[in-house]
């Protein structure tokens, strides 16, 4: 049953969306809005943050006080490939690190339109190779939300194609894996989705892809070869436009022989996992992720 807190937040977001109706946010406004949203959440005092750089890529280690595991989570943030930063996901990743009792490596990959495809993929590929100098691949978990989830799949595919050791698993939260934005749930779920906007997503998809085919397998992984990948956990809500492509991805992973666990959460919106202590469903989803990684 959906919590009252979740209902209240969705109602608030619906009102905000109605007030914004007819206004098309610029890219600068999208970025500012995401950064402002991040200010709602405070980083736990039970984690330590250590900034670092890999070549020109900004990153940070998020380490919980209780960290018995030698597994690490390599995290790729969402933001439609055009927004997001270390700051926007830091508080959420602190909670994830505490639940999983392991370190999280938060990455600030380059964004479009300044740096279109393949910049983001090249960045996370470089980071993965860097991490493997210290950690065995089977102790690294790829994770990401929305565009970051799609990027995590693309990274696993590229690693396989380049015959590089694969990570232990992939954790995908409402992954954006079909940048054509043509799945039927963009229409059928559209009015229930209080965050995403199909027109804006299609525009951001084209900005990211540049001259490349939008269905290129590293841009829209759902169209690629999904065999030989590590086990995958997918979480998605029924009030999320990306529901359909998450389901298609799960089906195609299974058909390709890749182990996949799909969790469809009733009435949950896009990115509910990041809402922390605001809603119990966020805590529950993070616990499910921890169970998947630990077991």
C-alpha atoms as a PDB file:
ATOM      1  CA  UNK A   1       0.000   0.000   0.000  1.00  0.00           C
ATOM      2  CA  UNK A   2       1.314   3.426  -0.949  1.00  0.00           C
ATOM      3  CA  UNK A   3       2.347   5.491   2.064  1.00  0.00           C
ATOM      4  CA  UNK A   4       0.633   8.748   2.962  1.00  0.00           C
ATOM      5  CA  UNK A   5       3.992  10.493   2.682  1.00  0.00           C
ATOM      6  CA  UNK A   6       4.393   9.293  -0.894  1.00  0.00           C
ATOM      7  CA  UNK A   7       0.867  10.445  -1.772  1.00  0.00           C
ATOM      8  CA  UNK A   8       1.581  13.864  -0.252  1.00  0.00           C
ATOM      9  CA  UNK A   9       4.828  14.346  -2.183  1.00  0.00           C
ATOM     10  CA  UNK A  10       3.244  13.311  -5.462  1.00  0.00           C
ATOM     11  CA  UNK A  11       0.331  15.671  -4.840  1.00  0.00           C
ATOM     12  CA  UNK A  12       2.755  18.522  -4.207  1.00  0.00           C
ATOM     13  CA  UNK A  13       4.694  17.719  -7.379  1.00  0.00           C
ATOM     14  CA  UNK A  14       1.469  17.587  -9.390  1.00  0.00           C
ATOM     15  CA  UNK A  15       0.591  21.085  -8.210  1.00  0.00           C
ATOM     16  CA  UNK A  16       4.068  22.342  -9.092  1.00  0.00           C
ATOM     17  CA  UNK A  17       3.807  20.738 -12.504  1.00  0.00           C
ATOM     18  CA  UNK A  18       0.412  22.361 -13.131  1.00  0.00           C
ATOM     19  CA  UNK A  19       1.875  25.747 -12.225  1.00  0.00           C
ATOM     20  CA  UNK A  20       4.676  25.162 -14.723  1.00  0.00           C
ATOM     21  CA  UNK A  21       2.370  23.990 -17.518  1.00  0.00           C
ATOM     22  CA  UNK A  22       3.232  25.600 -20.818  1.00  0.00           C
ATOM     23  CA  UNK A  23       6.705  26.618 -19.657  1.00  0.00           C
ATOM     24  CA  UNK A  24       9.548  24.786 -21.345  1.00  0.00           C
ATOM     25  CA  UNK A  25      12.545  24.689 -19.015  1.00  0.00           C
ATOM     26  CA  UNK A  26      15.880  25.627 -20.516  1.00  0.00           C
ATOM     27  CA  UNK A  27      18.835  23.342 -19.932  1.00  0.00           C
ATOM     28  CA  UNK A  28      20.258  25.824 -17.438  1.00  0.00           C
ATOM     29  CA  UNK A  29      16.964  25.775 -15.538  1.00  0.00           C
ATOM     30  CA  UNK A  30      16.897  21.961 -15.535  1.00  0.00           C
ATOM     31  CA  UNK A  31      20.363  21.892 -14.022  1.00  0.00           C
ATOM     32  CA  UNK A  32      19.568  24.516 -11.393  1.00  0.00           C
ATOM     33  CA  UNK A  33      16.359  22.735 -10.443  1.00  0.00           C
ATOM     34  CA  UNK A  34      18.143  19.439  -9.883  1.00  0.00           C
ATOM     35  CA  UNK A  35      20.860  21.102  -7.820  1.00  0.00           C
ATOM     36  CA  UNK A  36      18.223  22.941  -5.779  1.00  0.00           C
ATOM     37  CA  UNK A  37      16.311  19.697  -5.187  1.00  0.00           C
ATOM     38  CA  UNK A  38      19.481  18.128  -3.797  1.00  0.00           C
ATOM     39  CA  UNK A  39      19.585  20.794  -1.084  1.00  0.00           C
ATOM     40  CA  UNK A  40      16.486  19.149   0.444  1.00  0.00           C
ATOM     41  CA  UNK A  41      18.637  16.273   1.678  1.00  0.00           C
ATOM     42  CA  UNK A  42      21.545  16.317   4.088  1.00  0.00           C
ATOM     43  CA  UNK A  43      24.504  13.971   3.916  1.00  0.00           C
ATOM     44  CA  UNK A  44      24.599  11.663   6.917  1.00  0.00           C
ATOM     45  CA  UNK A  45      27.282  12.308   9.519  1.00  0.00           C
ATOM     46  CA  UNK A  46      27.864   8.551   9.477  1.00  0.00           C
ATOM     47  CA  UNK A  47      29.667   8.708   6.131  1.00  0.00           C
ATOM     48  CA  UNK A  48      32.944  10.303   5.106  1.00  0.00           C
ATOM     49  CA  UNK A  49      33.409  12.068   1.768  1.00  0.00           C
ATOM     50  CA  UNK A  50      36.811  12.055   0.062  1.00  0.00           C
ATOM     51  CA  UNK A  51      37.180  14.011  -3.161  1.00  0.00           C
ATOM     52  CA  UNK A  52      39.469  12.781  -5.939  1.00  0.00           C
ATOM     53  CA  UNK A  53      40.125  13.130  -9.673  1.00  0.00           C
ATOM     54  CA  UNK A  54      40.831  10.575 -12.366  1.00  0.00           C
ATOM     55  CA  UNK A  55      42.477  12.408 -15.231  1.00  0.00           C
ATOM     56  CA  UNK A  56      40.022  15.316 -15.590  1.00  0.00           C
ATOM     57  CA  UNK A  57      37.040  13.461 -14.095  1.00  0.00           C
ATOM     58  CA  UNK A  58      35.829  14.639 -10.694  1.00  0.00           C
ATOM     59  CA  UNK A  59      34.771  11.876  -8.326  1.00  0.00           C
ATOM     60  CA  UNK A  60      34.452  11.090  -4.639  1.00  0.00           C
ATOM     61  CA  UNK A  61      34.550   8.170  -2.266  1.00  0.00           C
ATOM     62  CA  UNK A  62      31.586   7.859   0.082  1.00  0.00           C
ATOM     63  CA  UNK A  63      32.513   5.590   2.965  1.00  0.00           C
ATOM     64  CA  UNK A  64      30.157   4.567   5.799  1.00  0.00           C
ATOM     65  CA  UNK A  65      31.403   4.291   9.367  1.00  0.00           C
ATOM     66  CA  UNK A  66      30.459   0.606   9.329  1.00  0.00           C
ATOM     67  CA  UNK A  67      32.192  -0.716   6.220  1.00  0.00           C
ATOM     68  CA  UNK A  68      33.095  -4.410   6.579  1.00  0.00           C
ATOM     69  CA  UNK A  69      32.585  -5.224   2.890  1.00  0.00           C
ATOM     70  CA  UNK A  70      35.346  -5.027   0.267  1.00  0.00           C
ATOM     71  CA  UNK A  71      32.702  -4.625  -2.450  1.00  0.00           C
ATOM     72  CA  UNK A  72      32.437  -1.151  -3.974  1.00  0.00           C
ATOM     73  CA  UNK A  73      29.579   0.477  -5.874  1.00  0.00           C
ATOM     74  CA  UNK A  74      30.544   2.525  -8.931  1.00  0.00           C
ATOM     75  CA  UNK A  75      27.684   4.990  -9.291  1.00  0.00           C
ATOM     76  CA  UNK A  76      26.479   6.859 -12.385  1.00  0.00           C
ATOM     77  CA  UNK A  77      23.973   9.619 -11.621  1.00  0.00           C
ATOM     78  CA  UNK A  78      20.813  10.435 -13.560  1.00  0.00           C
ATOM     79  CA  UNK A  79      19.875  13.708 -15.215  1.00  0.00           C
ATOM     80  CA  UNK A  80      19.051  12.835 -18.848  1.00  0.00           C
ATOM     81  CA  UNK A  81      22.780  13.038 -19.718  1.00  0.00           C
ATOM     82  CA  UNK A  82      22.461  16.838 -19.530  1.00  0.00           C
ATOM     83  CA  UNK A  83      22.236  17.531 -15.787  1.00  0.00           C
ATOM     84  CA  UNK A  84      23.345  16.124 -12.451  1.00  0.00           C
ATOM     85  CA  UNK A  85      26.585  16.224 -10.490  1.00  0.00           C
ATOM     86  CA  UNK A  86      28.362  14.789  -7.479  1.00  0.00           C
ATOM     87  CA  UNK A  87      26.226  17.064  -5.336  1.00  0.00           C
ATOM     88  CA  UNK A  88      22.828  15.970  -6.656  1.00  0.00           C
ATOM     89  CA  UNK A  89      23.202  12.354  -5.535  1.00  0.00           C
ATOM     90  CA  UNK A  90      25.617  12.588  -2.593  1.00  0.00           C
ATOM     91  CA  UNK A  91      23.032  12.326   0.209  1.00  0.00           C
ATOM     92  CA  UNK A  92      21.274   9.392  -1.457  1.00  0.00           C
ATOM     93  CA  UNK A  93      24.574   7.600  -1.980  1.00  0.00           C
ATOM     94  CA  UNK A  94      25.433   8.099   1.663  1.00  0.00           C
ATOM     95  CA  UNK A  95      22.265   6.209   2.581  1.00  0.00           C
ATOM     96  CA  UNK A  96      23.038   3.543  -0.013  1.00  0.00           C
ATOM     97  CA  UNK A  97      26.574   3.114   1.316  1.00  0.00           C
ATOM     98  CA  UNK A  98      25.288   2.692   4.881  1.00  0.00           C
ATOM     99  CA  UNK A  99      22.658   0.142   3.838  1.00  0.00           C
ATOM    100  CA  UNK A 100      25.112  -1.880   1.748  1.00  0.00           C
ATOM    101  CA  UNK A 101      27.958  -1.434   4.270  1.00  0.00           C
ATOM    102  CA  UNK A 102      30.384  -0.682   1.469  1.00  0.00           C
ATOM    103  CA  UNK A 103      32.097   2.206  -0.285  1.00  0.00           C
ATOM    104  CA  UNK A 104      30.412   4.080  -3.116  1.00  0.00           C
ATOM    105  CA  UNK A 105      32.407   5.797  -5.869  1.00  0.00           C
ATOM    106  CA  UNK A 106      30.398   8.787  -7.089  1.00  0.00           C
ATOM    107  CA  UNK A 107      31.360  10.002 -10.594  1.00  0.00           C
ATOM    108  CA  UNK A 108      30.819  13.350 -12.287  1.00  0.00           C
ATOM    109  CA  UNK A 109      30.985  12.328 -15.927  1.00  0.00           C
ATOM    110  CA  UNK A 110      30.857  14.952 -18.676  1.00  0.00           C
ATOM    111  CA  UNK A 111      27.444  16.196 -19.775  1.00  0.00           C
ATOM    112  CA  UNK A 112      25.818  17.126 -23.081  1.00  0.00           C
ATOM    113  CA  UNK A 113      25.493  19.428 -24.938  1.00  0.00           C
ATOM    114  CA  UNK A 114      29.011  20.547 -24.054  1.00  0.00           C
ATOM    115  CA  UNK A 115      30.185  16.948 -24.321  1.00  0.00           C
ATOM    116  CA  UNK A 116      27.788  14.685 -26.266  1.00  0.00           C
ATOM    117  CA  UNK A 117      28.115  10.912 -26.736  1.00  0.00           C
ATOM    118  CA  UNK A 118      30.523   9.166 -26.303  1.00  0.00           C
ATOM    119  CA  UNK A 119      32.041  11.485 -23.663  1.00  0.00           C
ATOM    120  CA  UNK A 120      30.026  10.125 -20.720  1.00  0.00           C
ATOM    121  CA  UNK A 121      30.688   6.516 -21.692  1.00  0.00           C
ATOM    122  CA  UNK A 122      34.383   7.211 -22.225  1.00  0.00           C
ATOM    123  CA  UNK A 123      34.571   8.807 -18.777  1.00  0.00           C
ATOM    124  CA  UNK A 124      32.984   5.928 -16.888  1.00  0.00           C
ATOM    125  CA  UNK A 125      34.991   3.409 -18.934  1.00  0.00           C
ATOM    126  CA  UNK A 126      38.172   5.197 -17.853  1.00  0.00           C
ATOM    127  CA  UNK A 127      36.997   5.205 -14.230  1.00  0.00           C
ATOM    128  CA  UNK A 128      36.219   1.477 -14.320  1.00  0.00           C
ATOM    129  CA  UNK A 129      39.678   0.681 -15.662  1.00  0.00           C
ATOM    130  CA  UNK A 130      41.184   2.876 -12.956  1.00  0.00           C
ATOM    131  CA  UNK A 131      39.229   1.131 -10.189  1.00  0.00           C
ATOM    132  CA  UNK A 132      40.286  -2.289 -11.465  1.00  0.00           C
ATOM    133  CA  UNK A 133      43.910  -1.396 -10.702  1.00  0.00           C
ATOM    134  CA  UNK A 134      42.965  -1.621  -7.012  1.00  0.00           C
ATOM    135  CA  UNK A 135      39.793  -3.730  -6.867  1.00  0.00           C
ATOM    136  CA  UNK A 136      39.032  -6.996  -8.657  1.00  0.00           C
ATOM    137  CA  UNK A 137      36.141  -6.667 -11.116  1.00  0.00           C
ATOM    138  CA  UNK A 138      34.073  -9.190  -9.163  1.00  0.00           C
ATOM    139  CA  UNK A 139      34.099  -6.773  -6.203  1.00  0.00           C
ATOM    140  CA  UNK A 140      32.765  -3.848  -8.255  1.00  0.00           C
ATOM    141  CA  UNK A 141      29.025  -3.221  -8.774  1.00  0.00           C
ATOM    142  CA  UNK A 142      27.771  -0.819 -11.439  1.00  0.00           C
ATOM    143  CA  UNK A 143      24.768   1.237 -10.346  1.00  0.00           C
ATOM    144  CA  UNK A 144      22.804   4.164 -11.696  1.00  0.00           C
ATOM    145  CA  UNK A 145      19.423   5.845 -11.890  1.00  0.00           C
ATOM    146  CA  UNK A 146      17.611   6.984 -15.038  1.00  0.00           C
ATOM    147  CA  UNK A 147      20.265   8.035 -17.585  1.00  0.00           C
ATOM    148  CA  UNK A 148      22.880   6.708 -15.176  1.00  0.00           C
ATOM    149  CA  UNK A 149      21.161   3.337 -15.302  1.00  0.00           C
ATOM    150  CA  UNK A 150      21.339   3.328 -19.073  1.00  0.00           C
ATOM    151  CA  UNK A 151      24.985   4.348 -18.868  1.00  0.00           C
ATOM    152  CA  UNK A 152      25.679   1.453 -16.479  1.00  0.00           C
ATOM    153  CA  UNK A 153      24.259  -1.026 -19.009  1.00  0.00           C
ATOM    154  CA  UNK A 154      26.227   0.575 -21.844  1.00  0.00           C
ATOM    155  CA  UNK A 155      29.407   0.353 -19.749  1.00  0.00           C
ATOM    156  CA  UNK A 156      28.823  -3.338 -19.064  1.00  0.00           C
ATOM    157  CA  UNK A 157      28.242  -3.938 -22.794  1.00  0.00           C
ATOM    158  CA  UNK A 158      31.381  -2.039 -23.793  1.00  0.00           C
ATOM    159  CA  UNK A 159      33.449  -3.884 -21.190  1.00  0.00           C
ATOM    160  CA  UNK A 160      32.201  -7.187 -22.588  1.00  0.00           C
ATOM    161  CA  UNK A 161      32.840  -6.079 -26.177  1.00  0.00           C
ATOM    162  CA  UNK A 162      36.374  -4.956 -25.283  1.00  0.00           C
ATOM    163  CA  UNK A 163      36.947  -8.259 -23.478  1.00  0.00           C
ATOM    164  CA  UNK A 164      37.501  -6.562 -20.131  1.00  0.00           C
ATOM    165  CA  UNK A 165      36.516  -8.300 -16.901  1.00  0.00           C
ATOM    166  CA  UNK A 166      32.891  -7.675 -16.022  1.00  0.00           C
ATOM    167  CA  UNK A 167      31.590  -6.316 -12.704  1.00  0.00           C
ATOM    168  CA  UNK A 168      29.793  -8.441 -10.149  1.00  0.00           C
ATOM    169  CA  UNK A 169      26.357  -6.970 -10.913  1.00  0.00           C
ATOM    170  CA  UNK A 170      24.394  -4.007 -12.244  1.00  0.00           C
ATOM    171  CA  UNK A 171      21.814  -2.085 -10.183  1.00  0.00           C
ATOM    172  CA  UNK A 172      19.423  -0.076 -12.364  1.00  0.00           C
ATOM    173  CA  UNK A 173      16.836   2.327 -10.964  1.00  0.00           C
ATOM    174  CA  UNK A 174      14.289   3.262 -13.644  1.00  0.00           C
ATOM    175  CA  UNK A 175      16.984   3.024 -16.316  1.00  0.00           C
ATOM    176  CA  UNK A 176      16.644   5.199 -19.425  1.00  0.00           C
ATOM    177  CA  UNK A 177      17.621   2.607 -22.011  1.00  0.00           C
ATOM    178  CA  UNK A 178      15.512   3.603 -25.038  1.00  0.00           C
ATOM    179  CA  UNK A 179      16.235   7.185 -26.029  1.00  0.00           C
ATOM    180  CA  UNK A 180      13.718   7.045 -28.875  1.00  0.00           C
ATOM    181  CA  UNK A 181      11.109   7.593 -26.114  1.00  0.00           C
ATOM    182  CA  UNK A 182       8.646   5.581 -28.197  1.00  0.00           C
ATOM    183  CA  UNK A 183       7.509   2.997 -25.646  1.00  0.00           C
ATOM    184  CA  UNK A 184       3.736   2.951 -25.084  1.00  0.00           C
ATOM    185  CA  UNK A 185       4.087   3.830 -21.392  1.00  0.00           C
ATOM    186  CA  UNK A 186       5.161   7.366 -22.315  1.00  0.00           C
ATOM    187  CA  UNK A 187       1.480   7.804 -23.204  1.00  0.00           C
ATOM    188  CA  UNK A 188      -0.280   5.361 -20.892  1.00  0.00           C
ATOM    189  CA  UNK A 189       1.635   6.419 -17.772  1.00  0.00           C
ATOM    190  CA  UNK A 190       2.265  10.001 -18.838  1.00  0.00           C
ATOM    191  CA  UNK A 191      -0.458  11.673 -16.779  1.00  0.00           C
ATOM    192  CA  UNK A 192       0.561   9.747 -13.661  1.00  0.00           C
ATOM    193  CA  UNK A 193       4.237  10.688 -13.970  1.00  0.00           C
ATOM    194  CA  UNK A 194       4.785  13.816 -11.879  1.00  0.00           C
ATOM    195  CA  UNK A 195       8.419  14.340 -12.876  1.00  0.00           C
ATOM    196  CA  UNK A 196       9.257  13.346 -16.430  1.00  0.00           C
ATOM    197  CA  UNK A 197       8.312  15.170 -19.608  1.00  0.00           C
ATOM    198  CA  UNK A 198       8.476  13.242 -22.894  1.00  0.00           C
ATOM    199  CA  UNK A 199       9.123  16.288 -25.057  1.00  0.00           C
ATOM    200  CA  UNK A 200      12.032  17.328 -22.854  1.00  0.00           C
ATOM    201  CA  UNK A 201      13.421  13.791 -22.764  1.00  0.00           C
ATOM    202  CA  UNK A 202      13.337  13.508 -26.561  1.00  0.00           C
ATOM    203  CA  UNK A 203      15.158  16.822 -26.855  1.00  0.00           C
ATOM    204  CA  UNK A 204      17.795  15.778 -24.318  1.00  0.00           C
ATOM    205  CA  UNK A 205      18.182  12.442 -26.080  1.00  0.00           C
ATOM    206  CA  UNK A 206      19.002  14.152 -29.353  1.00  0.00           C
ATOM    207  CA  UNK A 207      21.388  16.562 -27.601  1.00  0.00           C
ATOM    208  CA  UNK A 208      23.223  13.608 -26.054  1.00  0.00           C
ATOM    209  CA  UNK A 209      23.292  11.396 -29.153  1.00  0.00           C
ATOM    210  CA  UNK A 210      24.421  14.177 -31.479  1.00  0.00           C
ATOM    211  CA  UNK A 211      24.771  12.812 -35.022  1.00  0.00           C
ATOM    212  CA  UNK A 212      24.648   9.182 -33.875  1.00  0.00           C
ATOM    213  CA  UNK A 213      21.651   6.896 -34.388  1.00  0.00           C
ATOM    214  CA  UNK A 214      19.422   7.245 -31.326  1.00  0.00           C
ATOM    215  CA  UNK A 215      19.126   3.431 -31.305  1.00  0.00           C
ATOM    216  CA  UNK A 216      22.885   2.876 -31.192  1.00  0.00           C
ATOM    217  CA  UNK A 217      23.381   0.069 -28.679  1.00  0.00           C
ATOM    218  CA  UNK A 218      25.582   2.160 -26.377  1.00  0.00           C
ATOM    219  CA  UNK A 219      23.053   5.030 -26.455  1.00  0.00           C
ATOM    220  CA  UNK A 220      19.860   2.952 -26.205  1.00  0.00           C
ATOM    221  CA  UNK A 221      21.098  -0.358 -24.738  1.00  0.00           C
ATOM    222  CA  UNK A 222      17.689  -2.020 -25.040  1.00  0.00           C
ATOM    223  CA  UNK A 223      18.440  -2.437 -28.778  1.00  0.00           C
ATOM    224  CA  UNK A 224      21.864  -3.993 -28.242  1.00  0.00           C
ATOM    225  CA  UNK A 225      23.316  -7.414 -27.556  1.00  0.00           C
ATOM    226  CA  UNK A 226      22.462  -8.116 -23.911  1.00  0.00           C
ATOM    227  CA  UNK A 227      24.095 -11.526 -23.626  1.00  0.00           C
ATOM    228  CA  UNK A 228      27.059 -12.244 -21.407  1.00  0.00           C
ATOM    229  CA  UNK A 229      26.334  -9.480 -18.897  1.00  0.00           C
ATOM    230  CA  UNK A 230      26.496  -9.768 -15.090  1.00  0.00           C
ATOM    231  CA  UNK A 231      23.334 -10.235 -12.977  1.00  0.00           C
ATOM    232  CA  UNK A 232      21.000  -7.245 -13.085  1.00  0.00           C
ATOM    233  CA  UNK A 233      18.523  -5.765 -10.607  1.00  0.00           C
ATOM    234  CA  UNK A 234      15.958  -3.339 -12.038  1.00  0.00           C
ATOM    235  CA  UNK A 235      13.641  -1.205  -9.899  1.00  0.00           C
ATOM    236  CA  UNK A 236      10.886   0.860 -11.506  1.00  0.00           C
ATOM    237  CA  UNK A 237       7.567   2.329 -10.426  1.00  0.00           C
ATOM    238  CA  UNK A 238       4.205   2.019 -12.146  1.00  0.00           C
ATOM    239  CA  UNK A 239       3.848   5.826 -12.194  1.00  0.00           C
ATOM    240  CA  UNK A 240       7.053   6.260 -14.198  1.00  0.00           C
ATOM    241  CA  UNK A 241       7.123   6.845 -17.971  1.00  0.00           C
ATOM    242  CA  UNK A 242      10.200   4.610 -18.153  1.00  0.00           C
ATOM    243  CA  UNK A 243       8.223   1.614 -16.871  1.00  0.00           C
ATOM    244  CA  UNK A 244       7.756   0.106 -20.327  1.00  0.00           C
ATOM    245  CA  UNK A 245      11.379   0.202 -21.398  1.00  0.00           C
ATOM    246  CA  UNK A 246      12.482  -1.207 -18.037  1.00  0.00           C
ATOM    247  CA  UNK A 247      10.142  -4.137 -18.643  1.00  0.00           C
ATOM    248  CA  UNK A 248      11.394  -4.581 -22.208  1.00  0.00           C
ATOM    249  CA  UNK A 249      14.988  -4.478 -20.982  1.00  0.00           C
ATOM    250  CA  UNK A 250      14.211  -7.163 -18.410  1.00  0.00           C
ATOM    251  CA  UNK A 251      12.587  -9.383 -21.035  1.00  0.00           C
ATOM    252  CA  UNK A 252      15.482  -8.981 -23.452  1.00  0.00           C
ATOM    253  CA  UNK A 253      18.090  -9.603 -20.763  1.00  0.00           C
ATOM    254  CA  UNK A 254      16.312 -12.818 -19.807  1.00  0.00           C
ATOM    255  CA  UNK A 255      16.016 -13.887 -23.443  1.00  0.00           C
ATOM    256  CA  UNK A 256      19.748 -13.242 -23.870  1.00  0.00           C
ATOM    257  CA  UNK A 257      20.511 -15.542 -20.921  1.00  0.00           C
ATOM    258  CA  UNK A 258      21.457 -12.791 -18.468  1.00  0.00           C
ATOM    259  CA  UNK A 259      20.181 -13.209 -14.916  1.00  0.00           C
ATOM    260  CA  UNK A 260      17.752 -10.390 -14.146  1.00  0.00           C
ATOM    261  CA  UNK A 261      15.460  -9.467 -11.269  1.00  0.00           C
ATOM    262  CA  UNK A 262      12.732  -6.928 -12.069  1.00  0.00           C
ATOM    263  CA  UNK A 263      10.965  -5.137  -9.220  1.00  0.00           C
ATOM    264  CA  UNK A 264       7.886  -3.155 -10.249  1.00  0.00           C
ATOM    265  CA  UNK A 265       6.792  -0.929  -7.375  1.00  0.00           C
ATOM    266  CA  UNK A 266       3.079   0.015  -7.378  1.00  0.00           C
ATOM    267  CA  UNK A 267       2.340   3.755  -7.681  1.00  0.00           C
ATOM    268  CA  UNK A 268       5.981   4.768  -7.263  1.00  0.00           C
ATOM    269  CA  UNK A 269       7.249   7.720  -9.290  1.00  0.00           C
ATOM    270  CA  UNK A 270      10.519   8.189 -11.119  1.00  0.00           C
ATOM    271  CA  UNK A 271      13.488   8.258  -8.761  1.00  0.00           C
ATOM    272  CA  UNK A 272      11.586   7.581  -5.542  1.00  0.00           C
ATOM    273  CA  UNK A 273      14.669   5.827  -4.153  1.00  0.00           C
ATOM    274  CA  UNK A 274      16.454   9.157  -3.648  1.00  0.00           C
ATOM    275  CA  UNK A 275      13.762  10.589  -1.364  1.00  0.00           C
ATOM    276  CA  UNK A 276      15.468   9.243   1.732  1.00  0.00           C
ATOM    277  CA  UNK A 277      13.591   9.650   4.985  1.00  0.00           C
ATOM    278  CA  UNK A 278      10.725  11.499   3.301  1.00  0.00           C
ATOM    279  CA  UNK A 279       8.971   8.270   2.331  1.00  0.00           C
ATOM    280  CA  UNK A 280       9.277   4.704   3.675  1.00  0.00           C
ATOM    281  CA  UNK A 281       9.295   3.263   0.130  1.00  0.00           C
ATOM    282  CA  UNK A 282      12.681   4.880  -0.448  1.00  0.00           C
ATOM    283  CA  UNK A 283      14.181   3.139   2.571  1.00  0.00           C
ATOM    284  CA  UNK A 284      12.570  -0.136   1.499  1.00  0.00           C
ATOM    285  CA  UNK A 285      13.966   0.113  -2.023  1.00  0.00           C
ATOM    286  CA  UNK A 286      17.469   0.825  -0.748  1.00  0.00           C
ATOM    287  CA  UNK A 287      17.214  -2.193   1.560  1.00  0.00           C
ATOM    288  CA  UNK A 288      16.245  -4.360  -1.422  1.00  0.00           C
ATOM    289  CA  UNK A 289      19.326  -3.134  -3.255  1.00  0.00           C
ATOM    290  CA  UNK A 290      21.497  -3.941  -0.243  1.00  0.00           C
ATOM    291  CA  UNK A 291      20.058  -7.462  -0.061  1.00  0.00           C
ATOM    292  CA  UNK A 292      20.768  -7.996  -3.770  1.00  0.00           C
ATOM    293  CA  UNK A 293      24.389  -6.877  -3.405  1.00  0.00           C
ATOM    294  CA  UNK A 294      25.097  -8.664  -0.145  1.00  0.00           C
ATOM    295  CA  UNK A 295      23.554 -11.946  -1.210  1.00  0.00           C
END
